[in-house]
Amino acid sequence: DEVEDRVRAVRDARFKYIRNYRPEDAGARRSAFRDHLDLMAELWELEEAGRLEGAQALWFASPRPEEELYDVTQDPQEVQNLAALPAYAADVERMRAELDAWLTRLESTFREITGR
C-alpha cells in the first residue's frame, strides 16, 4: 500500500522475531487501503480521543522497539514483547542471526536475477 514501513521478520515454531528499521514510526499509520473500513475508522477515532487501551493501543504506539520477540505458542496475538527480557537473550540472538542469514540469501538471489 502507500504507507512505507521497513519491517522484516522471521519465525519458527515457537517465536516470531521482528526488526523495525524505522522504530520512530508507529505501526498504525493512515492508509487509504484500510481507512475506509468501519473498524479502522473506529480505531482511529478512539486513538485520537486517547481512549484505546491494551493490545489495540500497542499498534498505535510510537516509538516502536527496534526488536520484538513473541512466543507465538503462548501469545498468538503478539502482545507481550520478550526481546528485552534476559531470559530470552539467546532466543533473540538466534532469531536475529536467522533474519540476517535470510536477508543475505535474499540479496544474493536478487543479484543473480538482476545481474546487479
N, C-alpha and C. Protein backbone atom coordinates (compact mmCIF):
# COMPACT_ATOMS: atom_id res chain seq x y z
N ASP A 1 0.82 -1.18 0.00
CA ASP A 1 0.00 0.00 0.00
C ASP A 1 0.88 1.26 0.00
N GLU A 2 0.28 2.39 0.17
CA GLU A 2 1.02 3.65 0.03
C GLU A 2 1.82 4.04 1.26
N VAL A 3 1.75 3.27 2.34
CA VAL A 3 2.47 3.58 3.57
C VAL A 3 3.77 2.79 3.60
N GLU A 4 4.88 3.50 3.55
CA GLU A 4 6.18 2.83 3.61
C GLU A 4 6.48 2.42 5.04
N ASP A 5 6.84 1.17 5.21
CA ASP A 5 7.18 0.67 6.53
C ASP A 5 8.27 -0.36 6.37
N ARG A 6 9.40 -0.13 6.95
CA ARG A 6 10.54 -1.04 6.80
C ARG A 6 10.62 -1.95 8.00
N VAL A 7 9.98 -3.09 7.89
CA VAL A 7 9.95 -4.10 8.95
C VAL A 7 10.27 -5.43 8.31
N ARG A 8 11.11 -6.21 8.95
CA ARG A 8 11.41 -7.55 8.48
C ARG A 8 11.23 -8.51 9.65
N ALA A 9 10.82 -9.74 9.36
CA ALA A 9 10.54 -10.70 10.43
C ALA A 9 10.87 -12.11 9.98
N VAL A 10 11.17 -12.94 10.96
CA VAL A 10 11.32 -14.39 10.76
C VAL A 10 10.60 -15.08 11.92
N ARG A 11 10.24 -16.32 11.68
CA ARG A 11 9.62 -17.06 12.77
C ARG A 11 9.98 -18.53 12.67
N ASP A 12 9.85 -19.20 13.79
CA ASP A 12 9.98 -20.65 13.83
C ASP A 12 8.72 -21.18 14.51
N ALA A 13 8.75 -22.40 14.95
CA ALA A 13 7.54 -22.99 15.53
C ALA A 13 7.10 -22.29 16.81
N ARG A 14 8.03 -21.65 17.52
CA ARG A 14 7.69 -21.02 18.79
C ARG A 14 7.74 -19.50 18.76
N PHE A 15 8.72 -18.92 18.07
CA PHE A 15 8.96 -17.49 18.17
C PHE A 15 8.78 -16.75 16.85
N LYS A 16 8.40 -15.50 16.98
CA LYS A 16 8.43 -14.57 15.85
C LYS A 16 9.31 -13.41 16.28
N TYR A 17 10.31 -13.11 15.44
CA TYR A 17 11.25 -12.02 15.69
C TYR A 17 11.00 -10.94 14.64
N ILE A 18 10.91 -9.70 15.08
CA ILE A 18 10.65 -8.57 14.20
C ILE A 18 11.74 -7.52 14.39
N ARG A 19 12.25 -7.01 13.29
CA ARG A 19 13.20 -5.90 13.33
C ARG A 19 12.53 -4.69 12.68
N ASN A 20 12.42 -3.62 13.44
CA ASN A 20 11.84 -2.37 12.96
C ASN A 20 12.97 -1.43 12.55
N TYR A 21 13.10 -1.19 11.25
CA TYR A 21 14.16 -0.31 10.76
C TYR A 21 13.80 1.17 10.94
N ARG A 22 12.52 1.45 11.16
CA ARG A 22 12.08 2.82 11.40
C ARG A 22 11.23 2.83 12.67
N PRO A 23 11.86 2.59 13.82
CA PRO A 23 11.09 2.49 15.06
C PRO A 23 10.40 3.79 15.46
N GLU A 24 10.83 4.89 14.88
CA GLU A 24 10.19 6.17 15.21
C GLU A 24 8.77 6.26 14.66
N ASP A 25 8.44 5.41 13.71
CA ASP A 25 7.09 5.40 13.12
C ASP A 25 6.19 4.42 13.88
N ALA A 26 4.99 4.85 14.15
CA ALA A 26 4.02 3.96 14.78
C ALA A 26 3.66 2.83 13.82
N GLY A 27 3.20 1.72 14.35
CA GLY A 27 2.77 0.62 13.49
C GLY A 27 1.55 0.99 12.68
N ALA A 28 0.63 1.72 13.30
CA ALA A 28 -0.59 2.15 12.60
C ALA A 28 -0.37 3.55 12.05
N ARG A 29 -0.55 3.67 10.75
CA ARG A 29 -0.49 4.97 10.10
C ARG A 29 -1.62 5.04 9.09
N ARG A 30 -2.01 6.23 8.76
CA ARG A 30 -3.11 6.42 7.82
C ARG A 30 -2.81 5.71 6.50
N SER A 31 -3.83 5.03 5.98
CA SER A 31 -3.71 4.30 4.72
C SER A 31 -5.07 4.25 4.05
N ALA A 32 -5.16 4.76 2.86
CA ALA A 32 -6.44 4.75 2.13
C ALA A 32 -6.95 3.32 1.96
N PHE A 33 -6.03 2.37 1.84
CA PHE A 33 -6.41 0.97 1.67
C PHE A 33 -7.23 0.46 2.84
N ARG A 34 -6.83 0.82 4.08
CA ARG A 34 -7.51 0.33 5.28
C ARG A 34 -8.53 1.30 5.84
N ASP A 35 -8.26 2.59 5.71
CA ASP A 35 -9.03 3.58 6.46
C ASP A 35 -10.49 3.69 6.05
N HIS A 36 -10.86 3.11 4.91
CA HIS A 36 -12.27 3.13 4.54
C HIS A 36 -13.09 2.08 5.29
N LEU A 37 -12.44 1.17 5.98
CA LEU A 37 -13.12 0.13 6.73
C LEU A 37 -13.71 0.71 8.03
N ASP A 38 -14.90 0.30 8.38
CA ASP A 38 -15.56 0.80 9.59
C ASP A 38 -14.70 0.57 10.84
N LEU A 39 -14.10 -0.60 10.92
CA LEU A 39 -13.26 -0.91 12.08
C LEU A 39 -12.12 0.08 12.22
N MET A 40 -11.45 0.39 11.09
CA MET A 40 -10.33 1.33 11.16
C MET A 40 -10.80 2.74 11.53
N ALA A 41 -11.94 3.14 11.01
CA ALA A 41 -12.47 4.46 11.37
C ALA A 41 -12.70 4.53 12.87
N GLU A 42 -13.25 3.47 13.43
CA GLU A 42 -13.49 3.45 14.87
C GLU A 42 -12.18 3.44 15.66
N LEU A 43 -11.21 2.65 15.21
CA LEU A 43 -9.91 2.63 15.90
C LEU A 43 -9.24 4.00 15.87
N TRP A 44 -9.24 4.66 14.71
CA TRP A 44 -8.65 6.00 14.62
C TRP A 44 -9.38 6.98 15.53
N GLU A 45 -10.70 6.89 15.57
CA GLU A 45 -11.49 7.78 16.43
C GLU A 45 -11.12 7.58 17.90
N LEU A 46 -11.02 6.33 18.31
CA LEU A 46 -10.64 6.02 19.69
C LEU A 46 -9.21 6.46 19.99
N GLU A 47 -8.31 6.24 19.05
CA GLU A 47 -6.91 6.65 19.24
C GLU A 47 -6.82 8.17 19.39
N GLU A 48 -7.48 8.89 18.53
CA GLU A 48 -7.41 10.35 18.57
C GLU A 48 -8.06 10.92 19.83
N ALA A 49 -9.01 10.17 20.42
CA ALA A 49 -9.65 10.60 21.66
C ALA A 49 -8.88 10.12 22.89
N GLY A 50 -7.78 9.36 22.66
CA GLY A 50 -6.99 8.84 23.78
C GLY A 50 -7.71 7.75 24.56
N ARG A 51 -8.57 7.01 23.89
CA ARG A 51 -9.40 6.01 24.57
C ARG A 51 -9.03 4.57 24.23
N LEU A 52 -7.96 4.36 23.47
CA LEU A 52 -7.54 2.99 23.19
C LEU A 52 -6.76 2.45 24.39
N GLU A 53 -6.96 1.17 24.68
CA GLU A 53 -6.28 0.54 25.80
C GLU A 53 -5.73 -0.82 25.36
N GLY A 54 -4.82 -1.33 26.14
CA GLY A 54 -4.34 -2.69 25.95
C GLY A 54 -3.72 -2.95 24.59
N ALA A 55 -4.03 -4.12 24.05
CA ALA A 55 -3.40 -4.56 22.80
C ALA A 55 -3.68 -3.62 21.64
N GLN A 56 -4.87 -3.04 21.59
CA GLN A 56 -5.19 -2.13 20.48
C GLN A 56 -4.28 -0.91 20.50
N ALA A 57 -3.97 -0.40 21.67
CA ALA A 57 -3.11 0.78 21.79
C ALA A 57 -1.69 0.49 21.36
N LEU A 58 -1.25 -0.75 21.49
CA LEU A 58 0.13 -1.10 21.11
C LEU A 58 0.40 -0.83 19.64
N TRP A 59 -0.58 -1.03 18.80
CA TRP A 59 -0.38 -0.84 17.36
C TRP A 59 -0.13 0.62 17.01
N PHE A 60 -0.65 1.52 17.83
CA PHE A 60 -0.52 2.95 17.58
C PHE A 60 0.69 3.55 18.30
N ALA A 61 1.38 2.77 19.12
CA ALA A 61 2.48 3.28 19.94
C ALA A 61 3.66 3.74 19.08
N SER A 62 4.28 4.81 19.53
CA SER A 62 5.47 5.33 18.89
C SER A 62 6.34 5.94 19.98
N PRO A 63 7.62 5.65 20.00
CA PRO A 63 8.32 4.79 19.06
C PRO A 63 8.07 3.30 19.36
N ARG A 64 8.32 2.51 18.32
CA ARG A 64 8.27 1.06 18.48
C ARG A 64 9.66 0.59 18.91
N PRO A 65 9.75 -0.56 19.52
CA PRO A 65 11.07 -1.11 19.82
C PRO A 65 11.80 -1.49 18.53
N GLU A 66 13.12 -1.40 18.54
CA GLU A 66 13.87 -1.80 17.35
C GLU A 66 13.74 -3.29 17.09
N GLU A 67 13.61 -4.07 18.15
CA GLU A 67 13.45 -5.51 18.02
C GLU A 67 12.25 -5.97 18.85
N GLU A 68 11.56 -6.97 18.31
CA GLU A 68 10.44 -7.57 19.02
C GLU A 68 10.59 -9.09 18.93
N LEU A 69 10.23 -9.75 20.00
CA LEU A 69 10.22 -11.21 20.04
C LEU A 69 8.94 -11.66 20.73
N TYR A 70 8.19 -12.53 20.06
CA TYR A 70 6.94 -13.03 20.62
C TYR A 70 6.96 -14.55 20.64
N ASP A 71 6.50 -15.12 21.74
CA ASP A 71 6.30 -16.56 21.84
C ASP A 71 4.89 -16.81 21.29
N VAL A 72 4.81 -17.18 20.03
CA VAL A 72 3.50 -17.30 19.38
C VAL A 72 2.69 -18.50 19.85
N THR A 73 3.33 -19.42 20.56
CA THR A 73 2.58 -20.53 21.14
C THR A 73 1.82 -20.08 22.39
N GLN A 74 2.41 -19.19 23.16
CA GLN A 74 1.80 -18.69 24.39
C GLN A 74 1.06 -17.36 24.19
N ASP A 75 1.45 -16.62 23.15
CA ASP A 75 0.93 -15.27 22.91
C ASP A 75 0.65 -15.09 21.41
N PRO A 76 -0.36 -15.80 20.90
CA PRO A 76 -0.62 -15.76 19.45
C PRO A 76 -1.03 -14.38 18.94
N GLN A 77 -1.48 -13.49 19.82
CA GLN A 77 -1.86 -12.14 19.39
C GLN A 77 -0.65 -11.19 19.37
N GLU A 78 0.51 -11.70 19.78
CA GLU A 78 1.76 -10.93 19.77
C GLU A 78 1.62 -9.62 20.55
N VAL A 79 1.30 -9.77 21.83
CA VAL A 79 1.09 -8.62 22.70
C VAL A 79 2.28 -8.42 23.63
N GLN A 80 2.87 -9.51 24.14
CA GLN A 80 3.95 -9.42 25.12
C GLN A 80 5.31 -9.53 24.43
N ASN A 81 5.97 -8.39 24.23
CA ASN A 81 7.30 -8.38 23.60
C ASN A 81 8.34 -8.87 24.61
N LEU A 82 9.03 -9.95 24.25
CA LEU A 82 10.01 -10.59 25.14
C LEU A 82 11.45 -10.19 24.82
N ALA A 83 11.67 -9.38 23.81
CA ALA A 83 13.01 -9.12 23.30
C ALA A 83 13.97 -8.54 24.34
N ALA A 84 13.50 -7.74 25.27
CA ALA A 84 14.39 -7.10 26.24
C ALA A 84 14.57 -7.91 27.51
N LEU A 85 13.89 -9.04 27.61
CA LEU A 85 13.99 -9.85 28.83
C LEU A 85 15.22 -10.75 28.79
N PRO A 86 16.07 -10.70 29.82
CA PRO A 86 17.30 -11.51 29.84
C PRO A 86 17.05 -13.01 29.60
N ALA A 87 15.95 -13.53 30.06
CA ALA A 87 15.65 -14.97 29.89
C ALA A 87 15.53 -15.37 28.43
N TYR A 88 15.31 -14.39 27.53
CA TYR A 88 15.12 -14.68 26.11
C TYR A 88 16.27 -14.18 25.25
N ALA A 89 17.37 -13.78 25.87
CA ALA A 89 18.51 -13.23 25.12
C ALA A 89 19.05 -14.21 24.07
N ALA A 90 19.16 -15.47 24.41
CA ALA A 90 19.67 -16.46 23.45
C ALA A 90 18.70 -16.64 22.29
N ASP A 91 17.41 -16.58 22.57
CA ASP A 91 16.41 -16.69 21.50
C ASP A 91 16.46 -15.48 20.57
N VAL A 92 16.64 -14.30 21.15
CA VAL A 92 16.77 -13.09 20.33
C VAL A 92 18.00 -13.21 19.44
N GLU A 93 19.12 -13.62 19.99
CA GLU A 93 20.35 -13.78 19.19
C GLU A 93 20.16 -14.77 18.05
N ARG A 94 19.55 -15.90 18.35
CA ARG A 94 19.32 -16.93 17.34
C ARG A 94 18.41 -16.42 16.23
N MET A 95 17.33 -15.78 16.60
CA MET A 95 16.39 -15.28 15.60
C MET A 95 16.98 -14.10 14.83
N ARG A 96 17.77 -13.28 15.49
CA ARG A 96 18.47 -12.18 14.81
C ARG A 96 19.39 -12.74 13.73
N ALA A 97 20.12 -13.80 14.08
CA ALA A 97 21.02 -14.44 13.11
C ALA A 97 20.23 -15.05 11.95
N GLU A 98 19.08 -15.63 12.24
CA GLU A 98 18.24 -16.20 11.18
C GLU A 98 17.76 -15.11 10.22
N LEU A 99 17.37 -13.97 10.76
CA LEU A 99 16.93 -12.88 9.89
C LEU A 99 18.09 -12.38 9.04
N ASP A 100 19.25 -12.20 9.65
CA ASP A 100 20.41 -11.74 8.88
C ASP A 100 20.77 -12.72 7.77
N ALA A 101 20.71 -14.02 8.07
CA ALA A 101 21.00 -15.03 7.05
C ALA A 101 19.98 -14.98 5.93
N TRP A 102 18.71 -14.83 6.27
CA TRP A 102 17.66 -14.75 5.26
C TRP A 102 17.86 -13.53 4.37
N LEU A 103 18.19 -12.38 4.98
CA LEU A 103 18.42 -11.16 4.20
C LEU A 103 19.61 -11.32 3.26
N THR A 104 20.65 -12.00 3.73
CA THR A 104 21.82 -12.26 2.89
C THR A 104 21.45 -13.14 1.70
N ARG A 105 20.66 -14.21 1.95
CA ARG A 105 20.21 -15.08 0.86
C ARG A 105 19.33 -14.32 -0.13
N LEU A 106 18.48 -13.48 0.37
CA LEU A 106 17.60 -12.68 -0.47
C LEU A 106 18.40 -11.73 -1.35
N GLU A 107 19.38 -11.08 -0.77
CA GLU A 107 20.23 -10.16 -1.54
C GLU A 107 21.01 -10.90 -2.62
N SER A 108 21.52 -12.07 -2.29
CA SER A 108 22.25 -12.88 -3.26
C SER A 108 21.36 -13.30 -4.42
N THR A 109 20.15 -13.72 -4.10
CA THR A 109 19.19 -14.11 -5.14
C THR A 109 18.84 -12.92 -6.02
N PHE A 110 18.66 -11.75 -5.41
CA PHE A 110 18.35 -10.55 -6.17
C PHE A 110 19.49 -10.24 -7.17
N ARG A 111 20.73 -10.35 -6.70
CA ARG A 111 21.88 -10.10 -7.58
C ARG A 111 21.91 -11.08 -8.73
N GLU A 112 21.64 -12.36 -8.47
CA GLU A 112 21.63 -13.37 -9.52
C GLU A 112 20.56 -13.06 -10.57
N ILE A 113 19.40 -12.66 -10.12
CA ILE A 113 18.29 -12.40 -11.03
C ILE A 113 18.52 -11.14 -11.85
N THR A 114 19.01 -10.10 -11.20
CA THR A 114 19.13 -8.80 -11.87
C THR A 114 20.49 -8.55 -12.49
N GLY A 115 21.48 -9.33 -12.08
CA GLY A 115 22.85 -9.09 -12.56
C GLY A 115 23.49 -7.87 -11.92
N ARG A 116 22.91 -7.34 -10.85
CA ARG A 116 23.47 -6.18 -10.15
C ARG A 116 24.14 -6.57 -8.87
